[in-house]
Each structure stands twice: as structure tokens, then as C-alpha cells.
Amino acid sequence: MTELNLRTARLNMRITPEALEDLKVAAAVNNQDVSSFVLSAALNQARDILIQERVIKLSPHEIVQLEKALSSEARPIPALSSLFAKFSESLPA
């Protein structure tokens, strides 16, 4: 199935004639139609925003703490052990 067959959703917007002209010129310079140009720019911006939202940034001190915690011996947490036991009991045999 081609990408064109997957495009079923629509996005409509009203813009000024000047903005439309700018988009047409920029799209032409980039050898794209306006829809492809706008979609590409919008998706790039959306991905940048989502990456910034999802990336965890740690200071050097926090990295050391995380590495230390990950390399230390695992220890049981009674509350979680109890919860897991209750959950396991409720599963069908």
C-alpha cells in the first residue's frame, strides 16, 4: 500500500494571502507542493517538540547516581512483593 493510500485525515486552516504566497514560494524553492512543504515543516517541528518532551536530561552528578543505582545489587521492596503476590494469586491457573 502506498503512502498516498494511507492519507485519509484532513487538516484545514485559514491563513492570510501573504502567508500563502510565502508558502508557495518557499515550497517551489524546495521543489515541493505547498501541502507537502507545510506537512514536512509541521512534522519536523512536532517531532522536535516531542523529543524535547520525552528526553530525560541528567547532570553529571545525576548520571553517576543513576549508574551507581543500576550497578548495585537488587533488593526486594516488601510492598511491591506483596502486591505482586496478590496479583499472581488472582491470575487463572
C-alpha atoms as a PDB file:
ATOM      1  CA  MET A   1       0.000   0.000   0.000  1.00  0.00           C
ATOM      2  CA  THR A   2       1.433   3.397  -0.935  1.00  0.00           C
ATOM      3  CA  GLU A   3       1.699   6.386   1.358  1.00  0.00           C
ATOM      4  CA  LEU A   4      -0.988   8.197  -0.657  1.00  0.00           C
ATOM      5  CA  ASN A   5      -3.477   5.452   0.171  1.00  0.00           C
ATOM      6  CA  LEU A   6      -2.795   5.928   3.881  1.00  0.00           C
ATOM      7  CA  ARG A   7      -3.558   9.661   3.865  1.00  0.00           C
ATOM      8  CA  THR A   8      -7.193   9.808   4.871  1.00  0.00           C
ATOM      9  CA  ALA A   9      -7.220  12.545   7.534  1.00  0.00           C
ATOM     10  CA  ARG A  10      -7.588  16.202   6.609  1.00  0.00           C
ATOM     11  CA  LEU A  11      -6.242  19.403   8.124  1.00  0.00           C
ATOM     12  CA  ASN A  12      -7.766  22.730   7.113  1.00  0.00           C
ATOM     13  CA  MET A  13      -6.607  26.200   8.100  1.00  0.00           C
ATOM     14  CA  ARG A  14      -7.202  29.787   7.153  1.00  0.00           C
ATOM     15  CA  ILE A  15      -4.177  31.975   6.510  1.00  0.00           C
ATOM     16  CA  THR A  16      -3.539  35.381   5.021  1.00  0.00           C
ATOM     17  CA  PRO A  17      -2.932  35.679   1.283  1.00  0.00           C
ATOM     18  CA  GLU A  18       0.565  36.905   2.091  1.00  0.00           C
ATOM     19  CA  ALA A  19       1.317  33.832   4.181  1.00  0.00           C
ATOM     20  CA  LEU A  20       0.018  31.580   1.396  1.00  0.00           C
ATOM     21  CA  GLU A  21       2.235  33.348  -1.122  1.00  0.00           C
ATOM     22  CA  ASP A  22       5.261  32.894   1.140  1.00  0.00           C
ATOM     23  CA  LEU A  23       4.468  29.191   1.488  1.00  0.00           C
ATOM     24  CA  LYS A  24       4.053  28.801  -2.283  1.00  0.00           C
ATOM     25  CA  VAL A  25       7.403  30.463  -2.975  1.00  0.00           C
ATOM     26  CA  ALA A  26       9.239  28.502  -0.269  1.00  0.00           C
ATOM     27  CA  ALA A  27       7.671  25.232  -1.441  1.00  0.00           C
ATOM     28  CA  ALA A  28       8.678  25.959  -5.039  1.00  0.00           C
ATOM     29  CA  VAL A  29      12.253  26.737  -3.979  1.00  0.00           C
ATOM     30  CA  ASN A  30      12.253  23.385  -2.184  1.00  0.00           C
ATOM     31  CA  ASN A  31      10.729  21.602  -5.228  1.00  0.00           C
ATOM     32  CA  GLN A  32       7.592  20.648  -3.274  1.00  0.00           C
ATOM     33  CA  ASP A  33       3.913  21.358  -3.476  1.00  0.00           C
ATOM     34  CA  VAL A  34       2.501  23.533  -0.697  1.00  0.00           C
ATOM     35  CA  SER A  35       0.789  20.663   1.123  1.00  0.00           C
ATOM     36  CA  SER A  36       3.957  18.557   1.232  1.00  0.00           C
ATOM     37  CA  PHE A  37       6.029  21.562   2.289  1.00  0.00           C
ATOM     38  CA  VAL A  38       3.677  22.516   5.123  1.00  0.00           C
ATOM     39  CA  LEU A  39       3.271  18.906   6.272  1.00  0.00           C
ATOM     40  CA  SER A  40       7.025  18.346   6.297  1.00  0.00           C
ATOM     41  CA  ALA A  41       7.695  21.533   8.262  1.00  0.00           C
ATOM     42  CA  ALA A  42       4.903  20.818  10.740  1.00  0.00           C
ATOM     43  CA  LEU A  43       6.014  17.221  11.314  1.00  0.00           C
ATOM     44  CA  ASN A  44       9.628  18.282  11.828  1.00  0.00           C
ATOM     45  CA  GLN A  45       8.519  20.828  14.428  1.00  0.00           C
ATOM     46  CA  ALA A  46       6.211  18.292  16.103  1.00  0.00           C
ATOM     47  CA  ARG A  47       8.995  15.697  16.305  1.00  0.00           C
ATOM     48  CA  ASP A  48      11.413  18.240  17.779  1.00  0.00           C
ATOM     49  CA  ILE A  49       8.863  19.166  20.450  1.00  0.00           C
ATOM     50  CA  LEU A  50       8.119  15.528  21.270  1.00  0.00           C
ATOM     51  CA  ILE A  51      11.820  14.672  21.525  1.00  0.00           C
ATOM     52  CA  GLN A  52      12.371  17.568  23.935  1.00  0.00           C
ATOM     53  CA  GLU A  53       9.387  16.407  25.977  1.00  0.00           C
ATOM     54  CA  ARG A  54      10.488  12.771  26.141  1.00  0.00           C
ATOM     55  CA  VAL A  55      14.240  13.074  26.639  1.00  0.00           C
ATOM     56  CA  ILE A  56      15.465  12.850  30.201  1.00  0.00           C
ATOM     57  CA  LYS A  57      18.303  15.269  30.871  1.00  0.00           C
ATOM     58  CA  LEU A  58      20.669  14.443  33.710  1.00  0.00           C
ATOM     59  CA  SER A  59      23.504  16.389  35.225  1.00  0.00           C
ATOM     60  CA  PRO A  60      26.896  14.647  35.525  1.00  0.00           C
ATOM     61  CA  HIS A  61      26.190  14.060  39.239  1.00  0.00           C
ATOM     62  CA  GLU A  62      22.797  12.526  38.440  1.00  0.00           C
ATOM     63  CA  ILE A  63      24.394  10.249  35.830  1.00  0.00           C
ATOM     64  CA  VAL A  64      26.847   8.949  38.451  1.00  0.00           C
ATOM     65  CA  GLN A  65      23.964   8.358  40.878  1.00  0.00           C
ATOM     66  CA  LEU A  66      21.961   6.505  38.218  1.00  0.00           C
ATOM     67  CA  GLU A  67      24.920   4.326  37.217  1.00  0.00           C
ATOM     68  CA  LYS A  68      25.566   3.505  40.872  1.00  0.00           C
ATOM     69  CA  ALA A  69      21.926   2.552  41.433  1.00  0.00           C
ATOM     70  CA  LEU A  70      21.833   0.390  38.309  1.00  0.00           C
ATOM     71  CA  SER A  71      25.036  -1.443  39.196  1.00  0.00           C
ATOM     72  CA  SER A  72      24.088  -2.134  42.820  1.00  0.00           C
ATOM     73  CA  GLU A  73      22.539  -5.384  43.978  1.00  0.00           C
ATOM     74  CA  ALA A  74      18.771  -5.529  43.605  1.00  0.00           C
ATOM     75  CA  ARG A  75      16.834  -5.659  46.861  1.00  0.00           C
ATOM     76  CA  PRO A  76      13.221  -6.661  47.383  1.00  0.00           C
ATOM     77  CA  ILE A  77      10.688  -3.998  48.278  1.00  0.00           C
ATOM     78  CA  PRO A  78       8.139  -5.573  50.652  1.00  0.00           C
ATOM     79  CA  ALA A  79       5.175  -3.517  49.421  1.00  0.00           C
ATOM     80  CA  LEU A  80       5.852  -4.465  45.797  1.00  0.00           C
ATOM     81  CA  SER A  81       6.446  -8.109  46.704  1.00  0.00           C
ATOM     82  CA  SER A  82       3.086  -8.178  48.488  1.00  0.00           C
ATOM     83  CA  LEU A  83       1.333  -6.503  45.580  1.00  0.00           C
ATOM     84  CA  PHE A  84       2.882  -8.931  43.104  1.00  0.00           C
ATOM     85  CA  ALA A  85       1.825 -11.898  45.254  1.00  0.00           C
ATOM     86  CA  LYS A  86      -1.770 -10.629  45.347  1.00  0.00           C
ATOM     87  CA  PHE A  87      -1.747 -10.084  41.590  1.00  0.00           C
ATOM     88  CA  SER A  88      -0.302 -13.556  40.958  1.00  0.00           C
ATOM     89  CA  GLU A  89      -2.993 -15.168  43.114  1.00  0.00           C
ATOM     90  CA  SER A  90      -5.726 -13.510  41.050  1.00  0.00           C
ATOM     91  CA  LEU A  91      -4.457 -14.954  37.756  1.00  0.00           C
ATOM     92  CA  PRO A  92      -6.223 -18.034  36.383  1.00  0.00           C
ATOM     93  CA  ALA A  93      -4.225 -21.232  36.695  1.00  0.00           C
END
